[in-house]
Amino acid sequence: MSDQQPDDLQAEAESWIEPGQKNIQLVYILYLVSLATLVTLIIGMVMAYMNRGNSSESWIDNLYTYAIRTFWIGLLYGFISAVTTFILIGFVLMFLTAVWFVIRCLKGLQAAGRKEPIQNLETWLV
């Protein structure tokens, strides 16, 4: 049996929900899991919107903004890919969009692990 008390477990669980390093890491993990099940993408986006601006540290808000931009830009790229599938280039674009999405999520996770902001927040690329 574990040595942790129920209060410790509740505090640990709340640290994943409240704005901060663990929460932004959870958002990016949910984004990555969305490659298998789409509902986690929506959950991650909602969490990012709810927690952006509620942190005392600016680098965390920067990462929430990066996650939100990743969602919306990825949605646009996905739409363009879907529209162009009839000329067969859409399948290549879908693959490239998935690679772009994974790279942005990993970049956000790395920045959260180092506790530093994304340098070029406004980019549409990586």
N, C-alpha and C. Protein backbone atom coordinates (compact mmCIF):
# COMPACT_ATOMS: atom_id res chain seq x y z
N MET A 1 0.83 -1.18 0.00
CA MET A 1 0.00 0.00 0.00
C MET A 1 0.87 1.24 0.00
N SER A 2 0.37 2.31 -0.50
CA SER A 2 1.12 3.55 -0.62
C SER A 2 1.16 4.29 0.72
N ASP A 3 2.25 5.05 0.91
CA ASP A 3 2.41 5.83 2.14
C ASP A 3 1.73 7.18 2.05
N GLN A 4 1.18 7.54 0.89
CA GLN A 4 0.56 8.84 0.73
C GLN A 4 -0.80 8.88 1.41
N GLN A 5 -1.06 10.01 2.05
CA GLN A 5 -2.34 10.25 2.70
C GLN A 5 -3.34 10.74 1.67
N PRO A 6 -4.66 10.61 1.95
CA PRO A 6 -5.66 11.11 1.00
C PRO A 6 -5.50 12.59 0.67
N ASP A 7 -5.08 13.40 1.66
CA ASP A 7 -4.87 14.83 1.40
C ASP A 7 -3.72 15.04 0.41
N ASP A 8 -2.67 14.22 0.53
CA ASP A 8 -1.55 14.32 -0.40
C ASP A 8 -1.99 13.95 -1.82
N LEU A 9 -2.81 12.91 -1.92
CA LEU A 9 -3.30 12.49 -3.23
C LEU A 9 -4.19 13.56 -3.85
N GLN A 10 -5.01 14.20 -3.03
CA GLN A 10 -5.88 15.26 -3.55
C GLN A 10 -5.05 16.46 -4.00
N ALA A 11 -4.04 16.80 -3.24
CA ALA A 11 -3.17 17.92 -3.62
C ALA A 11 -2.43 17.60 -4.92
N GLU A 12 -1.99 16.35 -5.08
CA GLU A 12 -1.31 15.94 -6.31
C GLU A 12 -2.26 16.02 -7.50
N ALA A 13 -3.48 15.57 -7.33
CA ALA A 13 -4.47 15.62 -8.41
C ALA A 13 -4.80 17.06 -8.78
N GLU A 14 -4.94 17.93 -7.79
CA GLU A 14 -5.25 19.33 -8.06
C GLU A 14 -4.11 20.04 -8.78
N SER A 15 -2.86 19.59 -8.55
CA SER A 15 -1.73 20.23 -9.21
C SER A 15 -1.76 19.99 -10.72
N TRP A 16 -2.44 18.92 -11.16
CA TRP A 16 -2.57 18.66 -12.59
C TRP A 16 -3.69 19.48 -13.21
N ILE A 17 -4.63 19.96 -12.40
CA ILE A 17 -5.79 20.70 -12.89
C ILE A 17 -5.55 22.20 -12.86
N GLU A 18 -4.87 22.69 -11.85
CA GLU A 18 -4.63 24.12 -11.69
C GLU A 18 -3.60 24.62 -12.70
N PRO A 19 -3.68 25.89 -13.09
CA PRO A 19 -2.70 26.44 -14.05
C PRO A 19 -1.28 26.28 -13.53
N GLY A 20 -0.42 25.78 -14.36
CA GLY A 20 0.97 25.60 -13.97
C GLY A 20 1.67 24.63 -14.89
N GLN A 21 2.87 24.24 -14.50
CA GLN A 21 3.70 23.40 -15.34
C GLN A 21 3.04 22.04 -15.62
N LYS A 22 2.52 21.39 -14.60
CA LYS A 22 1.90 20.08 -14.81
C LYS A 22 0.67 20.18 -15.71
N ASN A 23 -0.10 21.22 -15.55
CA ASN A 23 -1.31 21.38 -16.34
C ASN A 23 -0.99 21.60 -17.82
N ILE A 24 -0.02 22.43 -18.12
CA ILE A 24 0.32 22.67 -19.53
C ILE A 24 0.91 21.42 -20.14
N GLN A 25 1.66 20.64 -19.36
CA GLN A 25 2.16 19.37 -19.87
C GLN A 25 0.99 18.42 -20.17
N LEU A 26 -0.01 18.43 -19.31
CA LEU A 26 -1.20 17.61 -19.54
C LEU A 26 -1.92 18.02 -20.82
N VAL A 27 -2.00 19.32 -21.07
CA VAL A 27 -2.64 19.81 -22.30
C VAL A 27 -1.93 19.25 -23.52
N TYR A 28 -0.61 19.31 -23.55
CA TYR A 28 0.13 18.81 -24.70
C TYR A 28 0.03 17.28 -24.81
N ILE A 29 -0.01 16.59 -23.69
CA ILE A 29 -0.19 15.14 -23.73
C ILE A 29 -1.57 14.79 -24.29
N LEU A 30 -2.59 15.53 -23.87
CA LEU A 30 -3.93 15.31 -24.42
C LEU A 30 -3.95 15.57 -25.92
N TYR A 31 -3.24 16.59 -26.36
CA TYR A 31 -3.14 16.86 -27.79
C TYR A 31 -2.53 15.67 -28.52
N LEU A 32 -1.46 15.10 -27.98
CA LEU A 32 -0.81 13.96 -28.64
C LEU A 32 -1.71 12.73 -28.65
N VAL A 33 -2.43 12.51 -27.56
CA VAL A 33 -3.35 11.37 -27.50
C VAL A 33 -4.49 11.55 -28.50
N SER A 34 -4.77 12.78 -28.88
CA SER A 34 -5.86 13.05 -29.82
C SER A 34 -5.60 12.46 -31.20
N LEU A 35 -4.37 12.06 -31.47
CA LEU A 35 -4.10 11.38 -32.73
C LEU A 35 -4.80 10.03 -32.78
N ALA A 36 -5.12 9.47 -31.60
CA ALA A 36 -5.85 8.21 -31.53
C ALA A 36 -7.33 8.42 -31.24
N THR A 37 -7.65 9.38 -30.40
CA THR A 37 -9.04 9.67 -30.05
C THR A 37 -9.24 11.18 -30.01
N LEU A 38 -10.07 11.69 -30.86
CA LEU A 38 -10.19 13.12 -31.10
C LEU A 38 -10.73 13.91 -29.91
N VAL A 39 -11.48 13.28 -29.02
CA VAL A 39 -12.11 14.01 -27.92
C VAL A 39 -11.07 14.63 -26.98
N THR A 40 -9.89 14.04 -26.86
CA THR A 40 -8.89 14.60 -25.97
C THR A 40 -8.34 15.94 -26.50
N LEU A 41 -8.41 16.14 -27.81
CA LEU A 41 -7.99 17.42 -28.38
C LEU A 41 -8.90 18.54 -27.88
N ILE A 42 -10.20 18.29 -27.87
CA ILE A 42 -11.17 19.30 -27.39
C ILE A 42 -10.96 19.56 -25.90
N ILE A 43 -10.73 18.49 -25.13
CA ILE A 43 -10.51 18.65 -23.69
C ILE A 43 -9.26 19.49 -23.44
N GLY A 44 -8.19 19.20 -24.17
CA GLY A 44 -6.95 19.96 -24.01
C GLY A 44 -7.12 21.42 -24.39
N MET A 45 -7.86 21.67 -25.47
CA MET A 45 -8.07 23.06 -25.90
C MET A 45 -8.89 23.82 -24.85
N VAL A 46 -9.92 23.20 -24.32
CA VAL A 46 -10.75 23.84 -23.29
C VAL A 46 -9.90 24.15 -22.05
N MET A 47 -9.07 23.19 -21.66
CA MET A 47 -8.20 23.42 -20.49
C MET A 47 -7.24 24.59 -20.76
N ALA A 48 -6.70 24.66 -21.96
CA ALA A 48 -5.77 25.75 -22.28
C ALA A 48 -6.49 27.10 -22.22
N TYR A 49 -7.70 27.18 -22.79
CA TYR A 49 -8.46 28.43 -22.74
C TYR A 49 -8.83 28.81 -21.30
N MET A 50 -9.21 27.83 -20.49
CA MET A 50 -9.63 28.12 -19.12
C MET A 50 -8.47 28.60 -18.25
N ASN A 51 -7.26 28.09 -18.52
CA ASN A 51 -6.14 28.39 -17.64
C ASN A 51 -5.23 29.51 -18.14
N ARG A 52 -5.39 29.91 -19.41
CA ARG A 52 -4.56 31.00 -19.92
C ARG A 52 -4.91 32.29 -19.18
N GLY A 53 -3.89 32.98 -18.72
CA GLY A 53 -4.09 34.23 -17.99
C GLY A 53 -4.29 34.05 -16.50
N ASN A 54 -4.35 32.81 -16.02
CA ASN A 54 -4.58 32.55 -14.60
C ASN A 54 -3.31 32.16 -13.87
N SER A 55 -2.19 32.15 -14.55
CA SER A 55 -0.94 31.75 -13.93
C SER A 55 -0.15 32.99 -13.51
N SER A 56 0.64 32.83 -12.47
CA SER A 56 1.47 33.94 -12.01
C SER A 56 2.76 34.06 -12.82
N GLU A 57 3.06 33.04 -13.63
CA GLU A 57 4.30 33.05 -14.40
C GLU A 57 3.98 33.24 -15.89
N SER A 58 4.69 34.16 -16.52
CA SER A 58 4.38 34.51 -17.92
C SER A 58 4.75 33.40 -18.89
N TRP A 59 5.75 32.58 -18.59
CA TRP A 59 6.13 31.52 -19.52
C TRP A 59 5.03 30.47 -19.65
N ILE A 60 4.24 30.29 -18.59
CA ILE A 60 3.14 29.32 -18.66
C ILE A 60 2.03 29.86 -19.56
N ASP A 61 1.70 31.13 -19.42
CA ASP A 61 0.69 31.73 -20.30
C ASP A 61 1.14 31.69 -21.76
N ASN A 62 2.43 31.86 -21.98
CA ASN A 62 2.99 31.76 -23.33
C ASN A 62 2.74 30.36 -23.90
N LEU A 63 2.93 29.34 -23.09
CA LEU A 63 2.72 27.96 -23.57
C LEU A 63 1.24 27.65 -23.78
N TYR A 64 0.37 28.24 -22.97
CA TYR A 64 -1.07 28.06 -23.21
C TYR A 64 -1.45 28.70 -24.55
N THR A 65 -0.93 29.89 -24.82
CA THR A 65 -1.21 30.55 -26.09
C THR A 65 -0.69 29.72 -27.25
N TYR A 66 0.49 29.16 -27.11
CA TYR A 66 1.07 28.31 -28.15
C TYR A 66 0.20 27.08 -28.40
N ALA A 67 -0.33 26.49 -27.33
CA ALA A 67 -1.22 25.33 -27.47
C ALA A 67 -2.51 25.71 -28.18
N ILE A 68 -3.07 26.84 -27.84
CA ILE A 68 -4.31 27.30 -28.48
C ILE A 68 -4.06 27.59 -29.96
N ARG A 69 -2.95 28.24 -30.27
CA ARG A 69 -2.62 28.50 -31.67
C ARG A 69 -2.37 27.20 -32.42
N THR A 70 -1.77 26.21 -31.77
CA THR A 70 -1.55 24.91 -32.39
C THR A 70 -2.89 24.28 -32.77
N PHE A 71 -3.87 24.39 -31.89
CA PHE A 71 -5.19 23.84 -32.19
C PHE A 71 -5.81 24.50 -33.42
N TRP A 72 -5.88 25.83 -33.41
CA TRP A 72 -6.58 26.53 -34.49
C TRP A 72 -5.85 26.45 -35.83
N ILE A 73 -4.53 26.57 -35.80
CA ILE A 73 -3.77 26.45 -37.05
C ILE A 73 -3.86 25.01 -37.56
N GLY A 74 -3.78 24.04 -36.66
CA GLY A 74 -3.92 22.64 -37.05
C GLY A 74 -5.29 22.35 -37.64
N LEU A 75 -6.32 22.97 -37.10
CA LEU A 75 -7.67 22.82 -37.65
C LEU A 75 -7.73 23.36 -39.07
N LEU A 76 -7.13 24.52 -39.30
CA LEU A 76 -7.09 25.10 -40.64
C LEU A 76 -6.31 24.19 -41.60
N TYR A 77 -5.14 23.73 -41.18
CA TYR A 77 -4.34 22.84 -42.03
C TYR A 77 -5.10 21.54 -42.32
N GLY A 78 -5.81 21.02 -41.32
CA GLY A 78 -6.60 19.82 -41.53
C GLY A 78 -7.73 20.03 -42.52
N PHE A 79 -8.37 21.19 -42.44
CA PHE A 79 -9.45 21.51 -43.37
C PHE A 79 -8.92 21.62 -44.80
N ILE A 80 -7.79 22.30 -44.95
CA ILE A 80 -7.19 22.41 -46.28
C ILE A 80 -6.81 21.03 -46.81
N SER A 81 -6.28 20.19 -45.94
CA SER A 81 -5.93 18.82 -46.35
C SER A 81 -7.16 18.05 -46.79
N ALA A 82 -8.25 18.16 -46.04
CA ALA A 82 -9.47 17.44 -46.38
C ALA A 82 -10.06 17.92 -47.71
N VAL A 83 -10.02 19.23 -47.92
CA VAL A 83 -10.58 19.78 -49.17
C VAL A 83 -9.76 19.34 -50.38
N THR A 84 -8.46 19.20 -50.21
CA THR A 84 -7.61 18.86 -51.35
C THR A 84 -7.42 17.36 -51.55
N THR A 85 -8.13 16.53 -50.79
CA THR A 85 -7.97 15.08 -50.98
C THR A 85 -8.48 14.62 -52.33
N PHE A 86 -9.42 15.33 -52.91
CA PHE A 86 -9.95 14.89 -54.20
C PHE A 86 -8.92 15.01 -55.32
N ILE A 87 -7.90 15.82 -55.13
CA ILE A 87 -6.82 15.88 -56.13
C ILE A 87 -5.58 15.13 -55.62
N LEU A 88 -5.78 14.31 -54.60
CA LEU A 88 -4.79 13.39 -54.03
C LEU A 88 -3.65 14.05 -53.27
N ILE A 89 -3.46 15.34 -53.42
CA ILE A 89 -2.41 16.00 -52.65
C ILE A 89 -2.81 16.12 -51.16
N GLY A 90 -4.10 16.04 -50.91
CA GLY A 90 -4.59 16.16 -49.53
C GLY A 90 -4.07 15.08 -48.61
N PHE A 91 -3.82 13.88 -49.14
CA PHE A 91 -3.29 12.81 -48.31
C PHE A 91 -1.87 13.11 -47.84
N VAL A 92 -1.10 13.70 -48.71
CA VAL A 92 0.25 14.13 -48.34
C VAL A 92 0.17 15.26 -47.32
N LEU A 93 -0.74 16.21 -47.57
CA LEU A 93 -0.92 17.32 -46.63
C LEU A 93 -1.39 16.86 -45.27
N MET A 94 -2.27 15.84 -45.24
CA MET A 94 -2.71 15.29 -43.94
C MET A 94 -1.53 14.72 -43.16
N PHE A 95 -0.67 13.99 -43.86
CA PHE A 95 0.52 13.44 -43.20
C PHE A 95 1.41 14.56 -42.68
N LEU A 96 1.65 15.57 -43.50
CA LEU A 96 2.50 16.70 -43.10
C LEU A 96 1.88 17.47 -41.94
N THR A 97 0.57 17.60 -41.94
CA THR A 97 -0.13 18.27 -40.84
C THR A 97 0.05 17.49 -39.54
N ALA A 98 -0.06 16.17 -39.61
CA ALA A 98 0.13 15.34 -38.41
C ALA A 98 1.56 15.46 -37.89
N VAL A 99 2.54 15.47 -38.78
CA VAL A 99 3.94 15.63 -38.37
C VAL A 99 4.13 17.00 -37.73
N TRP A 100 3.59 18.04 -38.37
CA TRP A 100 3.67 19.41 -37.83
C TRP A 100 3.06 19.47 -36.42
N PHE A 101 1.91 18.84 -36.26
CA PHE A 101 1.19 18.84 -34.98
C PHE A 101 2.03 18.16 -33.89
N VAL A 102 2.60 17.01 -34.19
CA VAL A 102 3.42 16.29 -33.22
C VAL A 102 4.65 17.11 -32.84
N ILE A 103 5.29 17.71 -33.83
CA ILE A 103 6.49 18.51 -33.54
C ILE A 103 6.15 19.69 -32.64
N ARG A 104 5.04 20.38 -32.90
CA ARG A 104 4.65 21.51 -32.05
C ARG A 104 4.32 21.06 -30.64
N CYS A 105 3.67 19.93 -30.50
CA CYS A 105 3.35 19.41 -29.16
C CYS A 105 4.63 19.04 -28.41
N LEU A 106 5.55 18.37 -29.09
CA LEU A 106 6.81 18.02 -28.44
C LEU A 106 7.62 19.26 -28.08
N LYS A 107 7.59 20.26 -28.95
CA LYS A 107 8.28 21.52 -28.65
C LYS A 107 7.67 22.18 -27.41
N GLY A 108 6.34 22.17 -27.30
CA GLY A 108 5.68 22.72 -26.12
C GLY A 108 6.00 21.94 -24.86
N LEU A 109 6.04 20.60 -24.96
CA LEU A 109 6.39 19.77 -23.80
C LEU A 109 7.83 20.03 -23.35
N GLN A 110 8.74 20.16 -24.30
CA GLN A 110 10.13 20.44 -23.96
C GLN A 110 10.26 21.81 -23.28
N ALA A 111 9.59 22.80 -23.80
CA ALA A 111 9.64 24.13 -23.20
C ALA A 111 9.05 24.11 -21.78
N ALA A 112 7.97 23.36 -21.60
CA ALA A 112 7.37 23.25 -20.26
C ALA A 112 8.32 22.54 -19.30
N GLY A 113 9.01 21.53 -19.78
CA GLY A 113 9.99 20.83 -18.93
C GLY A 113 11.15 21.72 -18.53
N ARG A 114 11.55 22.62 -19.41
CA ARG A 114 12.65 23.55 -19.12
C ARG A 114 12.16 24.83 -18.43
N LYS A 115 10.85 24.98 -18.32
CA LYS A 115 10.24 26.16 -17.70
C LYS A 115 10.63 27.45 -18.43
N GLU A 116 10.51 27.41 -19.75
CA GLU A 116 10.83 28.61 -20.54
C GLU A 116 9.77 28.80 -21.61
N PRO A 117 9.58 30.03 -22.08
CA PRO A 117 8.54 30.30 -23.09
C PRO A 117 8.99 29.89 -24.48
N ILE A 118 8.03 29.81 -25.39
CA ILE A 118 8.32 29.60 -26.80
C ILE A 118 8.82 30.92 -27.35
N GLN A 119 9.92 30.89 -28.07
CA GLN A 119 10.54 32.14 -28.54
C GLN A 119 9.74 32.82 -29.65
N ASN A 120 9.33 32.07 -30.66
CA ASN A 120 8.62 32.67 -31.79
C ASN A 120 7.16 32.23 -31.72
N LEU A 121 6.40 32.88 -30.87
CA LEU A 121 5.03 32.48 -30.56
C LEU A 121 4.09 32.64 -31.75
N GLU A 122 4.33 33.59 -32.60
CA GLU A 122 3.42 33.92 -33.70
C GLU A 122 3.62 33.08 -34.97
N THR A 123 4.55 32.15 -34.96
CA THR A 123 4.84 31.39 -36.15
C THR A 123 3.71 30.42 -36.53
N TRP A 124 3.54 30.22 -37.81
CA TRP A 124 2.57 29.24 -38.31
C TRP A 124 3.28 27.93 -38.61
N LEU A 125 4.57 27.91 -38.54
CA LEU A 125 5.35 26.70 -38.79
C LEU A 125 5.63 26.01 -37.46
N VAL A 126 6.83 25.60 -37.27
CA VAL A 126 7.19 24.90 -36.04
C VAL A 126 7.75 25.90 -35.07
